[in-house]
Amino acid sequence: MAFWGCEEEQEPEDCAGVVGGDNICGCTDSTATNYDSTATYDDGSCINTIEIIYNIHDSLPADWITEFYVIMNNLQNFIPSYQNYFNSLTVYAWNDNI
């Protein structure tokens, strides 16, 4: 008499770790820039926008003001929101040498 056995094959886990599940992982926050309307499980990948508020005083030279706007517009591309603890950034610029 012979006996043999085999292990029952389990269905693979889905992205949420559910065996045989059909979750779709992604960002479920509709206010995030990478919102995925098909996602059924939030995988923590949401990237939120950062509001950058800046106030420029008229005492700055005109060319500085122009350059400041260029820098601030580009700054939004360099600050990854997922690495910040704040929802906004406020920047003030003025010249007190008048």
C-alpha atoms as a PDB file:
ATOM      1  CA  MET A   1       0.000   0.000   0.000  1.00  0.00           C
ATOM      2  CA  ALA A   2       1.445   3.373  -0.984  1.00  0.00           C
ATOM      3  CA  PHE A   3       0.566   6.792   0.298  1.00  0.00           C
ATOM      4  CA  TRP A   4       1.544  10.041  -1.201  1.00  0.00           C
ATOM      5  CA  GLY A   5       0.509  13.533  -0.583  1.00  0.00           C
ATOM      6  CA  CYS A   6       0.700  16.869  -2.189  1.00  0.00           C
ATOM      7  CA  GLU A   7       0.394  20.306  -0.799  1.00  0.00           C
ATOM      8  CA  GLU A   8      -2.700  22.176  -1.710  1.00  0.00           C
ATOM      9  CA  GLU A   9      -1.763  25.100  -3.895  1.00  0.00           C
ATOM     10  CA  GLN A  10      -2.968  28.383  -2.510  1.00  0.00           C
ATOM     11  CA  GLU A  11      -4.177  31.163  -4.703  1.00  0.00           C
ATOM     12  CA  PRO A  12      -1.734  34.046  -4.882  1.00  0.00           C
ATOM     13  CA  GLU A  13      -2.157  37.071  -2.641  1.00  0.00           C
ATOM     14  CA  ASP A  14      -3.406  40.293  -4.120  1.00  0.00           C
ATOM     15  CA  CYS A  15      -1.685  43.618  -3.493  1.00  0.00           C
ATOM     16  CA  ALA A  16      -3.447  43.977  -0.128  1.00  0.00           C
ATOM     17  CA  GLY A  17      -2.221  40.582   1.052  1.00  0.00           C
ATOM     18  CA  VAL A  18      -5.580  38.849   0.660  1.00  0.00           C
ATOM     19  CA  VAL A  19      -5.238  35.284  -0.622  1.00  0.00           C
ATOM     20  CA  GLY A  20      -7.267  35.016  -3.798  1.00  0.00           C
ATOM     21  CA  GLY A  21      -8.391  38.621  -3.417  1.00  0.00           C
ATOM     22  CA  ASP A  22      -8.997  40.994  -6.237  1.00  0.00           C
ATOM     23  CA  ASN A  23      -8.103  44.312  -4.632  1.00  0.00           C
ATOM     24  CA  ILE A  24      -6.679  46.997  -6.875  1.00  0.00           C
ATOM     25  CA  CYS A  25      -3.982  48.886  -5.009  1.00  0.00           C
ATOM     26  CA  GLY A  26      -3.412  52.566  -5.584  1.00  0.00           C
ATOM     27  CA  CYS A  27      -4.205  56.002  -4.251  1.00  0.00           C
ATOM     28  CA  THR A  28      -7.814  56.304  -3.088  1.00  0.00           C
ATOM     29  CA  ASP A  29      -7.600  59.977  -2.033  1.00  0.00           C
ATOM     30  CA  SER A  30      -9.540  61.931  -4.660  1.00  0.00           C
ATOM     31  CA  THR A  31      -7.675  65.137  -3.774  1.00  0.00           C
ATOM     32  CA  ALA A  32      -4.243  63.632  -4.503  1.00  0.00           C
ATOM     33  CA  THR A  33      -2.425  64.292  -7.761  1.00  0.00           C
ATOM     34  CA  ASN A  34      -2.085  60.572  -8.457  1.00  0.00           C
ATOM     35  CA  TYR A  35      -5.645  59.545  -7.524  1.00  0.00           C
ATOM     36  CA  ASP A  36      -6.650  56.204  -9.032  1.00  0.00           C
ATOM     37  CA  SER A  37     -10.418  55.913  -9.425  1.00  0.00           C
ATOM     38  CA  THR A  38     -10.095  52.168 -10.009  1.00  0.00           C
ATOM     39  CA  ALA A  39      -8.206  51.528  -6.753  1.00  0.00           C
ATOM     40  CA  THR A  40     -10.080  49.606  -4.073  1.00  0.00           C
ATOM     41  CA  TYR A  41      -7.233  49.484  -1.537  1.00  0.00           C
ATOM     42  CA  ASP A  42      -5.120  52.484  -0.488  1.00  0.00           C
ATOM     43  CA  ASP A  43      -1.478  51.468  -0.722  1.00  0.00           C
ATOM     44  CA  GLY A  44      -0.105  54.689   0.783  1.00  0.00           C
ATOM     45  CA  SER A  45       1.191  56.021  -2.524  1.00  0.00           C
ATOM     46  CA  CYS A  46      -0.916  59.207  -2.599  1.00  0.00           C
ATOM     47  CA  ILE A  47       0.917  62.401  -3.481  1.00  0.00           C
ATOM     48  CA  ASN A  48      -0.794  65.562  -2.303  1.00  0.00           C
ATOM     49  CA  THR A  49      -0.162  69.027  -3.629  1.00  0.00           C
ATOM     50  CA  ILE A  50       1.548  71.670  -1.547  1.00  0.00           C
ATOM     51  CA  GLU A  51       0.153  75.167  -1.573  1.00  0.00           C
ATOM     52  CA  ILE A  52       3.025  77.629  -1.861  1.00  0.00           C
ATOM     53  CA  ILE A  53       2.136  81.138  -0.740  1.00  0.00           C
ATOM     54  CA  TYR A  54       4.588  83.922  -1.359  1.00  0.00           C
ATOM     55  CA  ASN A  55       4.509  87.620  -0.608  1.00  0.00           C
ATOM     56  CA  ILE A  56       6.885  89.952  -2.405  1.00  0.00           C
ATOM     57  CA  HIS A  57       7.396  93.455  -1.119  1.00  0.00           C
ATOM     58  CA  ASP A  58       7.619  96.319  -3.614  1.00  0.00           C
ATOM     59  CA  SER A  59      10.951  97.315  -2.092  1.00  0.00           C
ATOM     60  CA  LEU A  60      12.724  94.562  -4.036  1.00  0.00           C
ATOM     61  CA  PRO A  61      14.360  95.496  -7.352  1.00  0.00           C
ATOM     62  CA  ALA A  62      12.193  94.574 -10.358  1.00  0.00           C
ATOM     63  CA  ASP A  63      14.697  92.041 -11.730  1.00  0.00           C
ATOM     64  CA  TRP A  64      14.783  90.294  -8.343  1.00  0.00           C
ATOM     65  CA  ILE A  65      10.997  90.080  -8.331  1.00  0.00           C
ATOM     66  CA  THR A  66      10.987  88.556 -11.821  1.00  0.00           C
ATOM     67  CA  GLU A  67      13.640  86.013 -10.833  1.00  0.00           C
ATOM     68  CA  PHE A  68      11.784  85.272  -7.595  1.00  0.00           C
ATOM     69  CA  TYR A  69       8.648  84.318  -9.531  1.00  0.00           C
ATOM     70  CA  VAL A  70      10.680  82.040 -11.811  1.00  0.00           C
ATOM     71  CA  ILE A  71      12.276  80.331  -8.802  1.00  0.00           C
ATOM     72  CA  MET A  72       8.973  79.929  -6.966  1.00  0.00           C
ATOM     73  CA  ASN A  73       7.208  78.500 -10.014  1.00  0.00           C
ATOM     74  CA  ASN A  74       9.994  75.948 -10.445  1.00  0.00           C
ATOM     75  CA  LEU A  75      10.173  75.216  -6.711  1.00  0.00           C
ATOM     76  CA  GLN A  76       6.880  73.353  -6.860  1.00  0.00           C
ATOM     77  CA  ASN A  77       8.577  70.719  -9.022  1.00  0.00           C
ATOM     78  CA  PHE A  78      11.414  70.237  -6.534  1.00  0.00           C
ATOM     79  CA  ILE A  79       9.429  69.738  -3.324  1.00  0.00           C
ATOM     80  CA  PRO A  80       7.999  66.226  -3.290  1.00  0.00           C
ATOM     81  CA  SER A  81       4.873  66.488  -1.178  1.00  0.00           C
ATOM     82  CA  TYR A  82       5.237  62.962   0.183  1.00  0.00           C
ATOM     83  CA  GLN A  83       8.408  64.064   2.004  1.00  0.00           C
ATOM     84  CA  ASN A  84       6.805  67.044   3.718  1.00  0.00           C
ATOM     85  CA  TYR A  85       4.914  67.296   6.950  1.00  0.00           C
ATOM     86  CA  PHE A  86       3.102  70.484   5.982  1.00  0.00           C
ATOM     87  CA  ASN A  87       0.332  71.240   3.502  1.00  0.00           C
ATOM     88  CA  SER A  88       1.618  74.707   2.723  1.00  0.00           C
ATOM     89  CA  LEU A  89       4.808  76.704   2.488  1.00  0.00           C
ATOM     90  CA  THR A  90       4.854  80.470   3.013  1.00  0.00           C
ATOM     91  CA  VAL A  91       7.760  82.533   1.711  1.00  0.00           C
ATOM     92  CA  TYR A  92       8.321  86.231   2.352  1.00  0.00           C
ATOM     93  CA  ALA A  93      10.796  88.415   0.482  1.00  0.00           C
ATOM     94  CA  TRP A  94      11.623  92.050   1.145  1.00  0.00           C
ATOM     95  CA  ASN A  95      14.461  94.533   1.093  1.00  0.00           C
ATOM     96  CA  ASP A  96      15.075  96.429   4.319  1.00  0.00           C
ATOM     97  CA  ASN A  97      17.931  98.523   2.891  1.00  0.00           C
ATOM     98  CA  ILE A  98      15.756 101.485   1.915  1.00  0.00           C
END
